[in-house]
Amino acid sequence: MSRYYVYILASRRNGTLYIGVSRDLRRRLGEHRTGWSQFTDRYQIHRLVWFETHESVVIARQRERTLKHWKRDWKLQLIEARNPDWRDLAGEIPFD
């Protein structure tokens, strides 16, 4: 069964945010950290601060679009509800 991840990266606590979707979150995070994305590279957005899994790519993309339209305060509350210290959650990505 495939998993799709919706994720939020941050430059630092309350810093610049990036929201994305990926089938392989480990690979995508590595790409972000090695300069694959000009935006995340320019603003040093490399810390995985929130993610969730979905079984459907359609639902994952819908959730990504929804989050991108949220107010910034709502995004910060979402992150802090699960990750109040803004730790890098890369070690918590499940192995598929």
N, C-alpha and C. Protein backbone atom coordinates (compact mmCIF):
# COMPACT_ATOMS: atom_id res chain seq x y z
N MET A 1 0.84 -1.18 0.00
CA MET A 1 0.00 0.00 0.00
C MET A 1 0.89 1.25 0.00
N SER A 2 0.59 2.16 -0.86
CA SER A 2 1.37 3.40 -0.96
C SER A 2 0.93 4.41 0.08
N ARG A 3 1.89 5.18 0.51
CA ARG A 3 1.63 6.31 1.40
C ARG A 3 2.03 7.58 0.68
N TYR A 4 1.30 8.60 0.95
CA TYR A 4 1.62 9.93 0.44
C TYR A 4 1.72 10.86 1.65
N TYR A 5 2.70 11.71 1.61
CA TYR A 5 2.97 12.58 2.75
C TYR A 5 2.70 14.03 2.38
N VAL A 6 2.02 14.72 3.26
CA VAL A 6 1.91 16.17 3.19
C VAL A 6 2.83 16.65 4.31
N TYR A 7 3.68 17.63 4.01
CA TYR A 7 4.69 18.01 4.98
C TYR A 7 4.90 19.52 5.00
N ILE A 8 5.43 19.98 6.14
CA ILE A 8 5.81 21.38 6.29
C ILE A 8 7.26 21.43 6.72
N LEU A 9 8.04 22.22 5.98
CA LEU A 9 9.43 22.51 6.34
C LEU A 9 9.48 23.93 6.86
N ALA A 10 10.45 24.20 7.73
CA ALA A 10 10.63 25.55 8.27
C ALA A 10 12.11 25.90 8.30
N SER A 11 12.38 27.19 8.18
CA SER A 11 13.76 27.66 8.28
C SER A 11 14.21 27.68 9.74
N ARG A 12 13.30 27.97 10.63
CA ARG A 12 13.55 28.01 12.07
C ARG A 12 12.18 28.16 12.74
N ARG A 13 12.15 28.21 14.05
CA ARG A 13 10.88 28.42 14.76
C ARG A 13 10.25 29.72 14.28
N ASN A 14 9.00 29.66 13.88
CA ASN A 14 8.24 30.80 13.38
C ASN A 14 8.88 31.44 12.14
N GLY A 15 9.73 30.70 11.45
CA GLY A 15 10.40 31.22 10.26
C GLY A 15 9.59 30.99 8.99
N THR A 16 10.29 31.01 7.89
CA THR A 16 9.66 30.79 6.58
C THR A 16 9.22 29.34 6.47
N LEU A 17 8.03 29.12 5.93
CA LEU A 17 7.47 27.78 5.81
C LEU A 17 7.38 27.35 4.35
N TYR A 18 7.44 26.05 4.14
CA TYR A 18 7.24 25.45 2.82
C TYR A 18 6.33 24.25 3.01
N ILE A 19 5.30 24.13 2.19
CA ILE A 19 4.36 23.01 2.27
C ILE A 19 4.47 22.22 0.98
N GLY A 20 4.56 20.90 1.11
CA GLY A 20 4.67 20.06 -0.07
C GLY A 20 3.99 18.72 0.12
N VAL A 21 4.01 17.93 -0.95
CA VAL A 21 3.46 16.57 -0.92
C VAL A 21 4.45 15.67 -1.64
N SER A 22 4.60 14.44 -1.14
CA SER A 22 5.54 13.51 -1.75
C SER A 22 5.16 12.08 -1.42
N ARG A 23 5.49 11.18 -2.33
CA ARG A 23 5.30 9.76 -2.07
C ARG A 23 6.48 9.21 -1.28
N ASP A 24 7.65 9.80 -1.45
CA ASP A 24 8.87 9.36 -0.77
C ASP A 24 9.44 10.55 0.00
N LEU A 25 9.00 10.70 1.24
CA LEU A 25 9.36 11.89 2.02
C LEU A 25 10.85 11.93 2.35
N ARG A 26 11.47 10.79 2.59
CA ARG A 26 12.91 10.78 2.87
C ARG A 26 13.70 11.32 1.67
N ARG A 27 13.37 10.85 0.48
CA ARG A 27 14.05 11.32 -0.73
C ARG A 27 13.80 12.80 -0.94
N ARG A 28 12.57 13.22 -0.79
CA ARG A 28 12.23 14.63 -1.03
C ARG A 28 12.93 15.54 -0.02
N LEU A 29 12.99 15.12 1.22
CA LEU A 29 13.68 15.92 2.22
C LEU A 29 15.17 16.05 1.87
N GLY A 30 15.76 14.96 1.41
CA GLY A 30 17.15 15.00 0.96
C GLY A 30 17.34 15.98 -0.20
N GLU A 31 16.39 15.99 -1.12
CA GLU A 31 16.47 16.93 -2.24
C GLU A 31 16.40 18.37 -1.75
N HIS A 32 15.49 18.64 -0.84
CA HIS A 32 15.38 20.00 -0.30
C HIS A 32 16.68 20.41 0.39
N ARG A 33 17.31 19.49 1.08
CA ARG A 33 18.52 19.82 1.84
C ARG A 33 19.76 19.94 0.97
N THR A 34 19.68 19.49 -0.27
CA THR A 34 20.85 19.59 -1.16
C THR A 34 20.65 20.60 -2.28
N GLY A 35 19.66 21.47 -2.13
CA GLY A 35 19.51 22.56 -3.09
C GLY A 35 18.62 22.27 -4.28
N TRP A 36 17.85 21.19 -4.24
CA TRP A 36 16.96 20.84 -5.35
C TRP A 36 15.92 21.93 -5.62
N SER A 37 15.41 22.52 -4.56
CA SER A 37 14.41 23.58 -4.68
C SER A 37 15.09 24.93 -4.44
N GLN A 38 14.98 25.82 -5.40
CA GLN A 38 15.58 27.15 -5.24
C GLN A 38 14.98 27.89 -4.05
N PHE A 39 13.67 27.76 -3.85
CA PHE A 39 13.01 28.47 -2.75
C PHE A 39 13.54 28.00 -1.40
N THR A 40 13.53 26.67 -1.18
CA THR A 40 13.97 26.16 0.12
C THR A 40 15.46 26.39 0.32
N ASP A 41 16.23 26.37 -0.76
CA ASP A 41 17.67 26.62 -0.66
C ASP A 41 17.94 28.09 -0.33
N ARG A 42 17.25 28.98 -1.02
CA ARG A 42 17.46 30.42 -0.81
C ARG A 42 17.15 30.84 0.62
N TYR A 43 16.08 30.30 1.18
CA TYR A 43 15.65 30.70 2.52
C TYR A 43 16.05 29.70 3.61
N GLN A 44 16.90 28.73 3.25
CA GLN A 44 17.41 27.74 4.21
C GLN A 44 16.27 27.03 4.96
N ILE A 45 15.30 26.55 4.20
CA ILE A 45 14.13 25.87 4.76
C ILE A 45 14.41 24.36 4.68
N HIS A 46 14.98 23.81 5.75
CA HIS A 46 15.40 22.42 5.71
C HIS A 46 14.89 21.58 6.88
N ARG A 47 14.21 22.19 7.82
CA ARG A 47 13.76 21.47 9.01
C ARG A 47 12.34 20.95 8.81
N LEU A 48 12.18 19.62 8.89
CA LEU A 48 10.86 19.01 8.79
C LEU A 48 10.17 19.18 10.13
N VAL A 49 9.12 20.01 10.18
CA VAL A 49 8.47 20.31 11.46
C VAL A 49 7.08 19.69 11.60
N TRP A 50 6.54 19.17 10.50
CA TRP A 50 5.20 18.56 10.56
C TRP A 50 5.00 17.71 9.32
N PHE A 51 4.32 16.59 9.48
CA PHE A 51 3.90 15.79 8.32
C PHE A 51 2.75 14.90 8.72
N GLU A 52 2.01 14.46 7.72
CA GLU A 52 0.94 13.49 7.91
C GLU A 52 0.90 12.59 6.70
N THR A 53 0.32 11.41 6.86
CA THR A 53 0.26 10.45 5.77
C THR A 53 -1.17 10.29 5.27
N HIS A 54 -1.24 9.93 4.00
CA HIS A 54 -2.53 9.67 3.34
C HIS A 54 -2.36 8.47 2.42
N GLU A 55 -3.41 7.72 2.23
CA GLU A 55 -3.36 6.57 1.34
C GLU A 55 -3.68 6.93 -0.09
N SER A 56 -4.22 8.10 -0.31
CA SER A 56 -4.62 8.53 -1.65
C SER A 56 -3.86 9.79 -2.04
N VAL A 57 -3.27 9.77 -3.23
CA VAL A 57 -2.58 10.96 -3.73
C VAL A 57 -3.56 12.11 -3.93
N VAL A 58 -4.77 11.80 -4.30
CA VAL A 58 -5.78 12.84 -4.52
C VAL A 58 -6.06 13.57 -3.20
N ILE A 59 -6.23 12.81 -2.14
CA ILE A 59 -6.51 13.42 -0.84
C ILE A 59 -5.29 14.18 -0.34
N ALA A 60 -4.09 13.63 -0.54
CA ALA A 60 -2.86 14.31 -0.10
C ALA A 60 -2.70 15.64 -0.82
N ARG A 61 -2.92 15.67 -2.11
CA ARG A 61 -2.80 16.93 -2.86
C ARG A 61 -3.88 17.93 -2.45
N GLN A 62 -5.06 17.42 -2.18
CA GLN A 62 -6.14 18.30 -1.72
C GLN A 62 -5.78 18.93 -0.37
N ARG A 63 -5.22 18.11 0.52
CA ARG A 63 -4.81 18.62 1.84
C ARG A 63 -3.68 19.65 1.69
N GLU A 64 -2.73 19.39 0.80
CA GLU A 64 -1.64 20.34 0.55
C GLU A 64 -2.21 21.68 0.10
N ARG A 65 -3.12 21.65 -0.87
CA ARG A 65 -3.72 22.91 -1.35
C ARG A 65 -4.49 23.62 -0.24
N THR A 66 -5.19 22.86 0.58
CA THR A 66 -5.93 23.46 1.69
C THR A 66 -4.98 24.17 2.64
N LEU A 67 -3.90 23.48 3.03
CA LEU A 67 -2.94 24.07 3.97
C LEU A 67 -2.28 25.32 3.38
N LYS A 68 -1.99 25.30 2.10
CA LYS A 68 -1.36 26.46 1.47
C LYS A 68 -2.26 27.69 1.51
N HIS A 69 -3.56 27.48 1.62
CA HIS A 69 -4.50 28.60 1.68
C HIS A 69 -4.84 29.02 3.10
N TRP A 70 -4.37 28.27 4.07
CA TRP A 70 -4.62 28.63 5.47
C TRP A 70 -3.89 29.91 5.84
N LYS A 71 -4.41 30.59 6.85
CA LYS A 71 -3.70 31.73 7.43
C LYS A 71 -2.44 31.21 8.13
N ARG A 72 -1.43 32.05 8.16
CA ARG A 72 -0.16 31.66 8.77
C ARG A 72 -0.35 31.21 10.23
N ASP A 73 -1.16 31.93 10.99
CA ASP A 73 -1.40 31.56 12.39
C ASP A 73 -1.93 30.14 12.51
N TRP A 74 -2.80 29.73 11.60
CA TRP A 74 -3.36 28.38 11.64
C TRP A 74 -2.27 27.35 11.39
N LYS A 75 -1.36 27.66 10.46
CA LYS A 75 -0.25 26.74 10.17
C LYS A 75 0.66 26.61 11.39
N LEU A 76 0.95 27.72 12.04
CA LEU A 76 1.80 27.68 13.23
C LEU A 76 1.14 26.87 14.33
N GLN A 77 -0.17 27.01 14.50
CA GLN A 77 -0.89 26.24 15.52
C GLN A 77 -0.86 24.74 15.19
N LEU A 78 -0.98 24.41 13.90
CA LEU A 78 -0.93 23.01 13.48
C LEU A 78 0.43 22.41 13.83
N ILE A 79 1.50 23.13 13.53
CA ILE A 79 2.85 22.65 13.84
C ILE A 79 3.01 22.50 15.35
N GLU A 80 2.65 23.51 16.11
CA GLU A 80 2.90 23.50 17.55
C GLU A 80 2.03 22.50 18.30
N ALA A 81 0.90 22.11 17.73
CA ALA A 81 0.07 21.09 18.38
C ALA A 81 0.80 19.75 18.44
N ARG A 82 1.58 19.45 17.43
CA ARG A 82 2.31 18.19 17.39
C ARG A 82 3.78 18.35 17.78
N ASN A 83 4.32 19.50 17.49
CA ASN A 83 5.76 19.70 17.62
C ASN A 83 6.05 21.06 18.28
N PRO A 84 5.73 21.21 19.56
CA PRO A 84 5.85 22.53 20.21
C PRO A 84 7.27 23.07 20.25
N ASP A 85 8.27 22.21 20.18
CA ASP A 85 9.67 22.66 20.21
C ASP A 85 10.26 22.87 18.83
N TRP A 86 9.47 22.63 17.80
CA TRP A 86 9.91 22.78 16.40
C TRP A 86 11.14 21.92 16.11
N ARG A 87 11.15 20.70 16.66
CA ARG A 87 12.24 19.76 16.39
C ARG A 87 12.19 19.33 14.93
N ASP A 88 13.34 18.89 14.42
CA ASP A 88 13.39 18.31 13.09
C ASP A 88 12.87 16.88 13.20
N LEU A 89 11.79 16.57 12.51
CA LEU A 89 11.12 15.28 12.61
C LEU A 89 11.62 14.27 11.58
N ALA A 90 12.72 14.54 10.93
CA ALA A 90 13.21 13.65 9.88
C ALA A 90 13.40 12.21 10.39
N GLY A 91 13.82 12.05 11.63
CA GLY A 91 14.01 10.72 12.19
C GLY A 91 12.72 9.98 12.48
N GLU A 92 11.60 10.65 12.37
CA GLU A 92 10.30 10.03 12.66
C GLU A 92 9.56 9.60 11.40
N ILE A 93 10.17 9.79 10.24
CA ILE A 93 9.54 9.35 8.99
C ILE A 93 9.53 7.83 8.98
N PRO A 94 8.36 7.22 8.81
CA PRO A 94 8.31 5.76 8.82
C PRO A 94 9.01 5.17 7.59
N PHE A 95 9.58 4.00 7.76
CA PHE A 95 10.15 3.27 6.62
C PHE A 95 9.01 2.57 5.90
N ASP A 96 8.96 2.76 4.60
CA ASP A 96 7.88 2.12 3.81
C ASP A 96 8.24 0.71 3.42
